[in-house]
Amino acid sequence: MARYTSSFIANAPLEQVPVLLTQVLESSDFGVVYQTNGYLMAKEIPGKVPFSKIVSVEILIENTVAKTNEVPVTFVVKNDELPLNTDNHCQQKFQQLQETLEQSQEWRSTSTVLG
């Protein structure tokens, strides 16, 4: 199973973070399938890749340590594909999501873990 993790700080009030996340996910071809106050799950829109390569994103909104305009958010991007190559589909979707977040003024990267 391919799995990639990153942490970001949302430079926005806690109430706006789910909206910002939905915008980022939709621009990266993910659809939100489950949402609570501190958690979002999204999946890649099917039809473009085989079922075993469909990527899901789990997002933890760390609302217990959130400050006025700084909300820590952790992303876990994964799929059922074995990461035999370093440039696999899950890695590509992870990179796409990372680039989208880094290009936005609302997000600041804090850490990334590949593997």
PDB file of N, CA and C in Angstrom:
ATOM      1  N   MET A   1       0.843  -1.177   0.000  1.00  0.00           N
ATOM      2  CA  MET A   1       0.000   0.000   0.000  1.00  0.00           C
ATOM      3  C   MET A   1       0.887   1.238   0.000  1.00  0.00           C
ATOM      4  N   ALA A   2       0.676   2.108  -0.954  1.00  0.00           N
ATOM      5  CA  ALA A   2       1.406   3.373  -1.017  1.00  0.00           C
ATOM      6  C   ALA A   2       0.777   4.350  -0.025  1.00  0.00           C
ATOM      7  N   ARG A   3       1.634   5.081   0.687  1.00  0.00           N
ATOM      8  CA  ARG A   3       1.129   6.021   1.690  1.00  0.00           C
ATOM      9  C   ARG A   3       2.102   7.193   1.801  1.00  0.00           C
ATOM     10  N   TYR A   4       1.563   8.397   1.730  1.00  0.00           N
ATOM     11  CA  TYR A   4       2.362   9.612   1.814  1.00  0.00           C
ATOM     12  C   TYR A   4       1.680  10.570   2.774  1.00  0.00           C
ATOM     13  N   THR A   5       2.459  11.220   3.629  1.00  0.00           N
ATOM     14  CA  THR A   5       1.903  12.073   4.672  1.00  0.00           C
ATOM     15  C   THR A   5       2.540  13.455   4.620  1.00  0.00           C
ATOM     16  N   SER A   6       1.739  14.463   4.871  1.00  0.00           N
ATOM     17  CA  SER A   6       2.267  15.819   4.980  1.00  0.00           C
ATOM     18  C   SER A   6       1.433  16.606   5.981  1.00  0.00           C
ATOM     19  N   SER A   7       2.057  17.634   6.518  1.00  0.00           N
ATOM     20  CA  SER A   7       1.373  18.510   7.469  1.00  0.00           C
ATOM     21  C   SER A   7       1.457  19.942   6.973  1.00  0.00           C
ATOM     22  N   PHE A   8       0.361  20.643   7.131  1.00  0.00           N
ATOM     23  CA  PHE A   8       0.274  22.039   6.717  1.00  0.00           C
ATOM     24  C   PHE A   8      -0.389  22.843   7.817  1.00  0.00           C
ATOM     25  N   ILE A   9      -0.195  24.140   7.752  1.00  0.00           N
ATOM     26  CA  ILE A   9      -0.915  25.085   8.613  1.00  0.00           C
ATOM     27  C   ILE A   9      -1.851  25.865   7.706  1.00  0.00           C
ATOM     28  N   ALA A  10      -3.130  25.874   8.043  1.00  0.00           N
ATOM     29  CA  ALA A  10      -4.098  26.696   7.312  1.00  0.00           C
ATOM     30  C   ALA A  10      -4.097  28.077   7.938  1.00  0.00           C
ATOM     31  N   ASN A  11      -3.825  29.091   7.134  1.00  0.00           N
ATOM     32  CA  ASN A  11      -3.825  30.475   7.608  1.00  0.00           C
ATOM     33  C   ASN A  11      -5.231  31.053   7.458  1.00  0.00           C
ATOM     34  N   ALA A  12      -6.139  30.495   8.239  1.00  0.00           N
ATOM     35  CA  ALA A  12      -7.545  30.898   8.161  1.00  0.00           C
ATOM     36  C   ALA A  12      -8.230  30.510   9.469  1.00  0.00           C
ATOM     37  N   PRO A  13      -9.380  31.103   9.752  1.00  0.00           N
ATOM     38  CA  PRO A  13     -10.148  30.693  10.932  1.00  0.00           C
ATOM     39  C   PRO A  13     -10.596  29.240  10.803  1.00  0.00           C
ATOM     40  N   LEU A  14     -10.759  28.574  11.920  1.00  0.00           N
ATOM     41  CA  LEU A  14     -11.134  27.157  11.959  1.00  0.00           C
ATOM     42  C   LEU A  14     -12.394  26.870  11.150  1.00  0.00           C
ATOM     43  N   GLU A  15     -13.371  27.764  11.185  1.00  0.00           N
ATOM     44  CA  GLU A  15     -14.632  27.544  10.486  1.00  0.00           C
ATOM     45  C   GLU A  15     -14.457  27.505   8.966  1.00  0.00           C
ATOM     46  N   GLN A  16     -13.437  28.165   8.445  1.00  0.00           N
ATOM     47  CA  GLN A  16     -13.215  28.226   7.003  1.00  0.00           C
ATOM     48  C   GLN A  16     -12.381  27.068   6.466  1.00  0.00           C
ATOM     49  N   VAL A  17     -11.700  26.340   7.343  1.00  0.00           N
ATOM     50  CA  VAL A  17     -10.785  25.283   6.896  1.00  0.00           C
ATOM     51  C   VAL A  17     -11.483  24.199   6.074  1.00  0.00           C
ATOM     52  N   PRO A  18     -12.643  23.661   6.463  1.00  0.00           N
ATOM     53  CA  PRO A  18     -13.296  22.655   5.620  1.00  0.00           C
ATOM     54  C   PRO A  18     -13.630  23.162   4.216  1.00  0.00           C
ATOM     55  N   VAL A  19     -14.011  24.415   4.103  1.00  0.00           N
ATOM     56  CA  VAL A  19     -14.313  24.998   2.790  1.00  0.00           C
ATOM     57  C   VAL A  19     -13.046  25.084   1.952  1.00  0.00           C
ATOM     58  N   LEU A  20     -11.957  25.541   2.559  1.00  0.00           N
ATOM     59  CA  LEU A  20     -10.678  25.619   1.849  1.00  0.00           C
ATOM     60  C   LEU A  20     -10.210  24.242   1.413  1.00  0.00           C
ATOM     61  N   LEU A  21     -10.365  23.259   2.295  1.00  0.00           N
ATOM     62  CA  LEU A  21      -9.963  21.894   1.962  1.00  0.00           C
ATOM     63  C   LEU A  21     -10.771  21.338   0.796  1.00  0.00           C
ATOM     64  N   THR A  22     -12.062  21.563   0.812  1.00  0.00           N
ATOM     65  CA  THR A  22     -12.923  21.083  -0.274  1.00  0.00           C
ATOM     66  C   THR A  22     -12.501  21.701  -1.601  1.00  0.00           C
ATOM     67  N   GLN A  23     -12.174  22.981  -1.605  1.00  0.00           N
ATOM     68  CA  GLN A  23     -11.719  23.643  -2.833  1.00  0.00           C
ATOM     69  C   GLN A  23     -10.422  23.025  -3.350  1.00  0.00           C
ATOM     70  N   VAL A  24      -9.470  22.784  -2.451  1.00  0.00           N
ATOM     71  CA  VAL A  24      -8.189  22.193  -2.840  1.00  0.00           C
ATOM     72  C   VAL A  24      -8.399  20.782  -3.371  1.00  0.00           C
ATOM     73  N   LEU A  25      -9.217  20.002  -2.688  1.00  0.00           N
ATOM     74  CA  LEU A  25      -9.461  18.618  -3.097  1.00  0.00           C
ATOM     75  C   LEU A  25     -10.137  18.555  -4.464  1.00  0.00           C
ATOM     76  N   GLU A  26     -11.152  19.382  -4.656  1.00  0.00           N
ATOM     77  CA  GLU A  26     -11.866  19.370  -5.936  1.00  0.00           C
ATOM     78  C   GLU A  26     -10.973  19.810  -7.087  1.00  0.00           C
ATOM     79  N   SER A  27     -10.064  20.747  -6.842  1.00  0.00           N
ATOM     80  CA  SER A  27      -9.152  21.178  -7.903  1.00  0.00           C
ATOM     81  C   SER A  27      -8.124  20.108  -8.241  1.00  0.00           C
ATOM     82  N   SER A  28      -7.961  19.122  -7.365  1.00  0.00           N
ATOM     83  CA  SER A  28      -7.034  18.009  -7.603  1.00  0.00           C
ATOM     84  C   SER A  28      -7.773  16.725  -7.983  1.00  0.00           C
ATOM     85  N   ASP A  29      -9.022  16.832  -8.408  1.00  0.00           N
ATOM     86  CA  ASP A  29      -9.857  15.697  -8.843  1.00  0.00           C
ATOM     87  C   ASP A  29     -10.183  14.703  -7.732  1.00  0.00           C
ATOM     88  N   PHE A  30     -10.430  15.220  -6.527  1.00  0.00           N
ATOM     89  CA  PHE A  30     -10.902  14.399  -5.418  1.00  0.00           C
ATOM     90  C   PHE A  30     -12.303  14.862  -5.039  1.00  0.00           C
ATOM     91  N   GLY A  31     -13.118  13.922  -4.589  1.00  0.00           N
ATOM     92  CA  GLY A  31     -14.449  14.259  -4.109  1.00  0.00           C
ATOM     93  C   GLY A  31     -14.572  13.894  -2.645  1.00  0.00           C
ATOM     94  N   VAL A  32     -15.109  14.770  -1.831  1.00  0.00           N
ATOM     95  CA  VAL A  32     -15.282  14.515  -0.399  1.00  0.00           C
ATOM     96  C   VAL A  32     -16.367  13.455  -0.223  1.00  0.00           C
ATOM     97  N   VAL A  33     -16.055  12.383   0.515  1.00  0.00           N
ATOM     98  CA  VAL A  33     -17.022  11.317   0.748  1.00  0.00           C
ATOM     99  C   VAL A  33     -17.488  11.251   2.206  1.00  0.00           C
ATOM    100  N   TYR A  34     -16.729  11.896   3.103  1.00  0.00           N
ATOM    101  CA  TYR A  34     -17.105  11.884   4.520  1.00  0.00           C
ATOM    102  C   TYR A  34     -16.492  13.106   5.188  1.00  0.00           C
ATOM    103  N   GLN A  35     -17.258  13.734   6.090  1.00  0.00           N
ATOM    104  CA  GLN A  35     -16.757  14.924   6.757  1.00  0.00           C
ATOM    105  C   GLN A  35     -17.360  15.050   8.148  1.00  0.00           C
ATOM    106  N   THR A  36     -16.507  15.348   9.128  1.00  0.00           N
ATOM    107  CA  THR A  36     -16.940  15.709  10.474  1.00  0.00           C
ATOM    108  C   THR A  36     -16.209  16.991  10.852  1.00  0.00           C
ATOM    109  N   ASN A  37     -16.338  17.417  12.111  1.00  0.00           N
ATOM    110  CA  ASN A  37     -15.670  18.653  12.546  1.00  0.00           C
ATOM    111  C   ASN A  37     -14.160  18.622  12.368  1.00  0.00           C
ATOM    112  N   GLY A  38     -13.539  17.494  12.658  1.00  0.00           N
ATOM    113  CA  GLY A  38     -12.088  17.438  12.617  1.00  0.00           C
ATOM    114  C   GLY A  38     -11.517  16.466  11.612  1.00  0.00           C
ATOM    115  N   TYR A  39     -12.334  15.980  10.672  1.00  0.00           N
ATOM    116  CA  TYR A  39     -11.867  14.934   9.767  1.00  0.00           C
ATOM    117  C   TYR A  39     -12.580  15.024   8.418  1.00  0.00           C
ATOM    118  N   LEU A  40     -11.815  14.822   7.359  1.00  0.00           N
ATOM    119  CA  LEU A  40     -12.378  14.729   6.007  1.00  0.00           C
ATOM    120  C   LEU A  40     -11.779  13.515   5.326  1.00  0.00           C
ATOM    121  N   MET A  41     -12.583  12.841   4.528  1.00  0.00           N
ATOM    122  CA  MET A  41     -12.077  11.777   3.679  1.00  0.00           C
ATOM    123  C   MET A  41     -12.540  12.070   2.271  1.00  0.00           C
ATOM    124  N   ALA A  42     -11.593  11.963   1.337  1.00  0.00           N
ATOM    125  CA  ALA A  42     -11.903  12.205  -0.064  1.00  0.00           C
ATOM    126  C   ALA A  42     -11.292  11.090  -0.899  1.00  0.00           C
ATOM    127  N   LYS A  43     -11.909  10.824  -2.043  1.00  0.00           N
ATOM    128  CA  LYS A  43     -11.400   9.805  -2.968  1.00  0.00           C
ATOM    129  C   LYS A  43     -11.270  10.408  -4.348  1.00  0.00           C
ATOM    130  N   GLU A  44     -10.306   9.873  -5.064  1.00  0.00           N
ATOM    131  CA  GLU A  44     -10.118  10.278  -6.449  1.00  0.00           C
ATOM    132  C   GLU A  44     -11.361   9.895  -7.246  1.00  0.00           C
ATOM    133  N   ILE A  45     -11.749  10.739  -8.143  1.00  0.00           N
ATOM    134  CA  ILE A  45     -12.931  10.477  -8.954  1.00  0.00           C
ATOM    135  C   ILE A  45     -12.639   9.285  -9.867  1.00  0.00           C
ATOM    136  N   PRO A  46     -13.455   8.214  -9.788  1.00  0.00           N
ATOM    137  CA  PRO A  46     -13.182   6.998 -10.562  1.00  0.00           C
ATOM    138  C   PRO A  46     -13.335   7.197 -12.065  1.00  0.00           C
ATOM    139  N   GLY A  47     -12.710   6.295 -12.814  1.00  0.00           N
ATOM    140  CA  GLY A  47     -12.849   6.299 -14.259  1.00  0.00           C
ATOM    141  C   GLY A  47     -11.565   6.607 -15.001  1.00  0.00           C
ATOM    142  N   LYS A  48     -10.594   7.206 -14.327  1.00  0.00           N
ATOM    143  CA  LYS A  48      -9.356   7.578 -14.995  1.00  0.00           C
ATOM    144  C   LYS A  48      -8.248   6.544 -14.805  1.00  0.00           C
ATOM    145  N   VAL A  49      -8.334   5.766 -13.735  1.00  0.00           N
ATOM    146  CA  VAL A  49      -7.313   4.762 -13.434  1.00  0.00           C
ATOM    147  C   VAL A  49      -7.991   3.473 -12.975  1.00  0.00           C
ATOM    148  N   PRO A  50      -7.268   2.337 -12.994  1.00  0.00           N
ATOM    149  CA  PRO A  50      -7.848   1.098 -12.474  1.00  0.00           C
ATOM    150  C   PRO A  50      -8.240   1.253 -10.998  1.00  0.00           C
ATOM    151  N   PHE A  51      -9.214   0.450 -10.586  1.00  0.00           N
ATOM    152  CA  PHE A  51      -9.758   0.539  -9.229  1.00  0.00           C
ATOM    153  C   PHE A  51      -8.670   0.453  -8.156  1.00  0.00           C
ATOM    154  N   SER A  52      -7.681  -0.435  -8.331  1.00  0.00           N
ATOM    155  CA  SER A  52      -6.636  -0.614  -7.309  1.00  0.00           C
ATOM    156  C   SER A  52      -5.735   0.605  -7.173  1.00  0.00           C
ATOM    157  N   LYS A  53      -5.752   1.497  -8.152  1.00  0.00           N
ATOM    158  CA  LYS A  53      -4.905   2.688  -8.095  1.00  0.00           C
ATOM    159  C   LYS A  53      -5.640   3.930  -7.614  1.00  0.00           C
ATOM    160  N   ILE A  54      -6.949   3.818  -7.366  1.00  0.00           N
ATOM    161  CA  ILE A  54      -7.713   4.980  -6.908  1.00  0.00           C
ATOM    162  C   ILE A  54      -7.154   5.444  -5.567  1.00  0.00           C
ATOM    163  N   VAL A  55      -6.866   6.725  -5.490  1.00  0.00           N
ATOM    164  CA  VAL A  55      -6.223   7.323  -4.323  1.00  0.00           C
ATOM    165  C   VAL A  55      -7.268   7.911  -3.384  1.00  0.00           C
ATOM    166  N   SER A  56      -7.061   7.712  -2.097  1.00  0.00           N
ATOM    167  CA  SER A  56      -7.911   8.354  -1.092  1.00  0.00           C
ATOM    168  C   SER A  56      -7.048   9.284  -0.242  1.00  0.00           C
ATOM    169  N   VAL A  57      -7.689  10.303   0.300  1.00  0.00           N
ATOM    170  CA  VAL A  57      -7.013  11.280   1.149  1.00  0.00           C
ATOM    171  C   VAL A  57      -7.769  11.357   2.460  1.00  0.00           C
ATOM    172  N   GLU A  58      -7.047  11.149   3.545  1.00  0.00           N
ATOM    173  CA  GLU A  58      -7.616  11.340   4.879  1.00  0.00           C
ATOM    174  C   GLU A  58      -6.994  12.599   5.449  1.00  0.00           C
ATOM    175  N   ILE A  59      -7.832  13.476   5.991  1.00  0.00           N
ATOM    176  CA  ILE A  59      -7.362  14.760   6.482  1.00  0.00           C
ATOM    177  C   ILE A  59      -7.823  14.956   7.925  1.00  0.00           C
ATOM    178  N   LEU A  60      -6.850  15.183   8.787  1.00  0.00           N
ATOM    179  CA  LEU A  60      -7.141  15.452  10.192  1.00  0.00           C
ATOM    180  C   LEU A  60      -6.976  16.946  10.434  1.00  0.00           C
ATOM    181  N   ILE A  61      -8.053  17.585  10.837  1.00  0.00           N
ATOM    182  CA  ILE A  61      -8.029  19.008  11.191  1.00  0.00           C
ATOM    183  C   ILE A  61      -7.830  19.064  12.705  1.00  0.00           C
ATOM    184  N   GLU A  62      -6.677  19.529  13.121  1.00  0.00           N
ATOM    185  CA  GLU A  62      -6.334  19.498  14.541  1.00  0.00           C
ATOM    186  C   GLU A  62      -6.926  20.708  15.256  1.00  0.00           C
ATOM    187  N   ASN A  63      -8.251  20.654  15.455  1.00  0.00           N
ATOM    188  CA  ASN A  63      -8.979  21.791  16.022  1.00  0.00           C
ATOM    189  C   ASN A  63      -8.706  22.012  17.504  1.00  0.00           C
ATOM    190  N   THR A  64      -8.141  21.031  18.203  1.00  0.00           N
ATOM    191  CA  THR A  64      -7.866  21.208  19.635  1.00  0.00           C
ATOM    192  C   THR A  64      -6.652  22.087  19.884  1.00  0.00           C
ATOM    193  N   VAL A  65      -5.766  22.200  18.895  1.00  0.00           N
ATOM    194  CA  VAL A  65      -4.578  23.048  19.049  1.00  0.00           C
ATOM    195  C   VAL A  65      -4.611  24.253  18.109  1.00  0.00           C
ATOM    196  N   ALA A  66      -5.731  24.470  17.462  1.00  0.00           N
ATOM    197  CA  ALA A  66      -5.864  25.579  16.515  1.00  0.00           C
ATOM    198  C   ALA A  66      -5.800  26.924  17.231  1.00  0.00           C
ATOM    199  N   LYS A  67      -5.145  27.864  16.567  1.00  0.00           N
ATOM    200  CA  LYS A  67      -5.099  29.245  17.052  1.00  0.00           C
ATOM    201  C   LYS A  67      -6.058  30.059  16.190  1.00  0.00           C
ATOM    202  N   THR A  68      -6.129  31.355  16.417  1.00  0.00           N
ATOM    203  CA  THR A  68      -7.087  32.206  15.715  1.00  0.00           C
ATOM    204  C   THR A  68      -7.046  32.028  14.203  1.00  0.00           C
ATOM    205  N   ASN A  69      -5.885  32.168  13.592  1.00  0.00           N
ATOM    206  CA  ASN A  69      -5.765  32.027  12.139  1.00  0.00           C
ATOM    207  C   ASN A  69      -4.676  31.026  11.761  1.00  0.00           C
ATOM    208  N   GLU A  70      -4.460  30.032  12.597  1.00  0.00           N
ATOM    209  CA  GLU A  70      -3.491  28.985  12.313  1.00  0.00           C
ATOM    210  C   GLU A  70      -4.060  27.646  12.757  1.00  0.00           C
ATOM    211  N   VAL A  71      -4.428  26.834  11.773  1.00  0.00           N
ATOM    212  CA  VAL A  71      -5.034  25.534  12.066  1.00  0.00           C
ATOM    213  C   VAL A  71      -4.146  24.445  11.476  1.00  0.00           C
ATOM    214  N   PRO A  72      -3.542  23.586  12.322  1.00  0.00           N
ATOM    215  CA  PRO A  72      -2.737  22.481  11.805  1.00  0.00           C
ATOM    216  C   PRO A  72      -3.618  21.428  11.126  1.00  0.00           C
ATOM    217  N   VAL A  73      -3.153  20.955   9.978  1.00  0.00           N
ATOM    218  CA  VAL A  73      -3.891  19.970   9.194  1.00  0.00           C
ATOM    219  C   VAL A  73      -2.902  18.906   8.723  1.00  0.00           C
ATOM    220  N   THR A  74      -3.269  17.634   8.896  1.00  0.00           N
ATOM    221  CA  THR A  74      -2.425  16.527   8.453  1.00  0.00           C
ATOM    222  C   THR A  74      -3.132  15.768   7.337  1.00  0.00           C
ATOM    223  N   PHE A  75      -2.395  15.518   6.254  1.00  0.00           N
ATOM    224  CA  PHE A  75      -2.905  14.807   5.088  1.00  0.00           C
ATOM    225  C   PHE A  75      -2.248  13.438   5.002  1.00  0.00           C
ATOM    226  N   VAL A  76      -3.049  12.398   4.772  1.00  0.00           N
ATOM    227  CA  VAL A  76      -2.530  11.062   4.476  1.00  0.00           C
ATOM    228  C   VAL A  76      -3.122  10.669   3.120  1.00  0.00           C
ATOM    229  N   VAL A  77      -2.241  10.522   2.138  1.00  0.00           N
ATOM    230  CA  VAL A  77      -2.647  10.170   0.777  1.00  0.00           C
ATOM    231  C   VAL A  77      -2.231   8.724   0.563  1.00  0.00           C
ATOM    232  N   LYS A  78      -3.197   7.867   0.171  1.00  0.00           N
ATOM    233  CA  LYS A  78      -2.865   6.442   0.061  1.00  0.00           C
ATOM    234  C   LYS A  78      -3.735   5.745  -0.978  1.00  0.00           C
ATOM    235  N   ASN A  79      -3.267   4.568  -1.390  1.00  0.00           N
ATOM    236  CA  ASN A  79      -4.058   3.684  -2.240  1.00  0.00           C
ATOM    237  C   ASN A  79      -3.578   2.252  -2.039  1.00  0.00           C
ATOM    238  N   ASP A  80      -4.196   1.298  -2.749  1.00  0.00           N
ATOM    239  CA  ASP A  80      -3.857  -0.116  -2.586  1.00  0.00           C
ATOM    240  C   ASP A  80      -2.699  -0.558  -3.470  1.00  0.00           C
ATOM    241  N   GLU A  81      -2.174   0.349  -4.260  1.00  0.00           N
ATOM    242  CA  GLU A  81      -1.071   0.040  -5.162  1.00  0.00           C
ATOM    243  C   GLU A  81       0.222  -0.183  -4.370  1.00  0.00           C
ATOM    244  N   LEU A  82       0.967  -1.211  -4.726  1.00  0.00           N
ATOM    245  CA  LEU A  82       2.272  -1.414  -4.112  1.00  0.00           C
ATOM    246  C   LEU A  82       3.233  -0.375  -4.692  1.00  0.00           C
ATOM    247  N   PRO A  83       3.946   0.350  -3.837  1.00  0.00           N
ATOM    248  CA  PRO A  83       4.845   1.400  -4.339  1.00  0.00           C
ATOM    249  C   PRO A  83       6.168   0.819  -4.851  1.00  0.00           C
ATOM    250  N   LEU A  84       6.093  -0.023  -5.899  1.00  0.00           N
ATOM    251  CA  LEU A  84       7.288  -0.645  -6.446  1.00  0.00           C
ATOM    252  C   LEU A  84       8.174   0.365  -7.162  1.00  0.00           C
ATOM    253  N   ASN A  85       7.575   1.390  -7.720  1.00  0.00           N
ATOM    254  CA  ASN A  85       8.312   2.472  -8.365  1.00  0.00           C
ATOM    255  C   ASN A  85       8.144   3.741  -7.539  1.00  0.00           C
ATOM    256  N   THR A  86       9.169   4.566  -7.505  1.00  0.00           N
ATOM    257  CA  THR A  86       9.047   5.807  -6.737  1.00  0.00           C
ATOM    258  C   THR A  86       8.088   6.781  -7.399  1.00  0.00           C
ATOM    259  N   ASP A  87       7.883   6.644  -8.701  1.00  0.00           N
ATOM    260  CA  ASP A  87       6.960   7.516  -9.422  1.00  0.00           C
ATOM    261  C   ASP A  87       5.674   6.756  -9.743  1.00  0.00           C
ATOM    262  N   ASN A  88       4.938   6.371  -8.706  1.00  0.00           N
ATOM    263  CA  ASN A  88       3.683   5.646  -8.901  1.00  0.00           C
ATOM    264  C   ASN A  88       2.503   6.624  -8.893  1.00  0.00           C
ATOM    265  N   HIS A  89       1.317   6.114  -9.188  1.00  0.00           N
ATOM    266  CA  HIS A  89       0.131   6.974  -9.300  1.00  0.00           C
ATOM    267  C   HIS A  89      -0.164   7.705  -7.985  1.00  0.00           C
ATOM    268  N   CYS A  90      -0.035   7.025  -6.870  1.00  0.00           N
ATOM    269  CA  CYS A  90      -0.307   7.650  -5.573  1.00  0.00           C
ATOM    270  C   CYS A  90       0.683   8.793  -5.327  1.00  0.00           C
ATOM    271  N   GLN A  91       1.947   8.566  -5.636  1.00  0.00           N
ATOM    272  CA  GLN A  91       2.968   9.603  -5.489  1.00  0.00           C
ATOM    273  C   GLN A  91       2.637  10.809  -6.370  1.00  0.00           C
ATOM    274  N   GLN A  92       2.186  10.554  -7.587  1.00  0.00           N
ATOM    275  CA  GLN A  92       1.840  11.644  -8.501  1.00  0.00           C
ATOM    276  C   GLN A  92       0.671  12.474  -7.964  1.00  0.00           C
ATOM    277  N   LYS A  93      -0.354  11.807  -7.430  1.00  0.00           N
ATOM    278  CA  LYS A  93      -1.506  12.530  -6.867  1.00  0.00           C
ATOM    279  C   LYS A  93      -1.095  13.293  -5.607  1.00  0.00           C
ATOM    280  N   PHE A  94      -0.197  12.697  -4.816  1.00  0.00           N
ATOM    281  CA  PHE A  94       0.323  13.364  -3.627  1.00  0.00           C
ATOM    282  C   PHE A  94       1.058  14.644  -4.029  1.00  0.00           C
ATOM    283  N   GLN A  95       1.930  14.544  -5.036  1.00  0.00           N
ATOM    284  CA  GLN A  95       2.675  15.699  -5.507  1.00  0.00           C
ATOM    285  C   GLN A  95       1.735  16.780  -6.038  1.00  0.00           C
ATOM    286  N   GLN A  96       0.696  16.366  -6.768  1.00  0.00           N
ATOM    287  CA  GLN A  96      -0.280  17.320  -7.292  1.00  0.00           C
ATOM    288  C   GLN A  96      -0.969  18.066  -6.151  1.00  0.00           C
ATOM    289  N   LEU A  97      -1.366  17.335  -5.127  1.00  0.00           N
ATOM    290  CA  LEU A  97      -2.018  17.943  -3.969  1.00  0.00           C
ATOM    291  C   LEU A  97      -1.056  18.880  -3.244  1.00  0.00           C
ATOM    292  N   GLN A  98       0.200  18.452  -3.065  1.00  0.00           N
ATOM    293  CA  GLN A  98       1.211  19.277  -2.414  1.00  0.00           C
ATOM    294  C   GLN A  98       1.410  20.600  -3.167  1.00  0.00           C
ATOM    295  N   GLU A  99       1.539  20.507  -4.483  1.00  0.00           N
ATOM    296  CA  GLU A  99       1.757  21.704  -5.291  1.00  0.00           C
ATOM    297  C   GLU A  99       0.574  22.665  -5.205  1.00  0.00           C
ATOM    298  N   THR A 100      -0.623  22.116  -5.215  1.00  0.00           N
ATOM    299  CA  THR A 100      -1.819  22.957  -5.099  1.00  0.00           C
ATOM    300  C   THR A 100      -1.825  23.695  -3.760  1.00  0.00           C
ATOM    301  N   LEU A 101      -1.495  22.981  -2.688  1.00  0.00           N
ATOM    302  CA  LEU A 101      -1.467  23.601  -1.367  1.00  0.00           C
ATOM    303  C   LEU A 101      -0.358  24.645  -1.260  1.00  0.00           C
ATOM    304  N   GLU A 102       0.818  24.326  -1.786  1.00  0.00           N
ATOM    305  CA  GLU A 102       1.954  25.239  -1.676  1.00  0.00           C
ATOM    306  C   GLU A 102       1.761  26.506  -2.504  1.00  0.00           C
ATOM    307  N   GLN A 103       0.979  26.442  -3.557  1.00  0.00           N
ATOM    308  CA  GLN A 103       0.733  27.615  -4.397  1.00  0.00           C
ATOM    309  C   GLN A 103      -0.311  28.547  -3.801  1.00  0.00           C
ATOM    310  N   SER A 104      -1.029  28.065  -2.814  1.00  0.00           N
ATOM    311  CA  SER A 104      -2.081  28.860  -2.199  1.00  0.00           C
ATOM    312  C   SER A 104      -1.533  29.650  -1.015  1.00  0.00           C
ATOM    313  N   GLN A 105      -1.986  30.875  -0.861  1.00  0.00           N
ATOM    314  CA  GLN A 105      -1.557  31.716   0.257  1.00  0.00           C
ATOM    315  C   GLN A 105      -2.160  31.263   1.580  1.00  0.00           C
ATOM    316  N   GLU A 106      -3.201  30.452   1.530  1.00  0.00           N
ATOM    317  CA  GLU A 106      -3.863  30.010   2.755  1.00  0.00           C
ATOM    318  C   GLU A 106      -3.148  28.855   3.453  1.00  0.00           C
ATOM    319  N   TRP A 107      -2.131  28.262   2.809  1.00  0.00           N
ATOM    320  CA  TRP A 107      -1.486  27.072   3.364  1.00  0.00           C
ATOM    321  C   TRP A 107       0.023  27.257   3.502  1.00  0.00           C
ATOM    322  N   ARG A 108       0.562  26.683   4.578  1.00  0.00           N
ATOM    323  CA  ARG A 108       1.999  26.706   4.820  1.00  0.00           C
ATOM    324  C   ARG A 108       2.443  25.304   5.216  1.00  0.00           C
ATOM    325  N   SER A 109       3.405  24.753   4.487  1.00  0.00           N
ATOM    326  CA  SER A 109       3.884  23.387   4.736  1.00  0.00           C
ATOM    327  C   SER A 109       4.722  23.344   6.014  1.00  0.00           C
ATOM    328  N   THR A 110       4.541  22.259   6.798  1.00  0.00           N
ATOM    329  CA  THR A 110       5.366  22.067   7.984  1.00  0.00           C
ATOM    330  C   THR A 110       6.200  20.804   7.921  1.00  0.00           C
ATOM    331  N   SER A 111       5.695  19.744   7.243  1.00  0.00           N
ATOM    332  CA  SER A 111       6.484  18.528   7.093  1.00  0.00           C
ATOM    333  C   SER A 111       5.873  17.614   6.038  1.00  0.00           C
ATOM    334  N   THR A 112       6.730  16.736   5.479  1.00  0.00           N
ATOM    335  CA  THR A 112       6.304  15.775   4.481  1.00  0.00           C
ATOM    336  C   THR A 112       7.026  14.459   4.741  1.00  0.00           C
ATOM    337  N   VAL A 113       6.295  13.342   4.669  1.00  0.00           N
ATOM    338  CA  VAL A 113       6.881  12.015   4.821  1.00  0.00           C
ATOM    339  C   VAL A 113       6.473  11.182   3.633  1.00  0.00           C
ATOM    340  N   LEU A 114       7.449  10.648   2.914  1.00  0.00           N
ATOM    341  CA  LEU A 114       7.186   9.792   1.767  1.00  0.00           C
ATOM    342  C   LEU A 114       7.417   8.356   2.152  1.00  0.00           C
ATOM    343  N   GLY A 115       6.587   7.453   1.628  1.00  0.00           N
ATOM    344  CA  GLY A 115       6.833   6.039   1.882  1.00  0.00           C
ATOM    345  C   GLY A 115       5.660   5.305   2.156  1.00  0.00           C
TER     346      GLY A 115
END
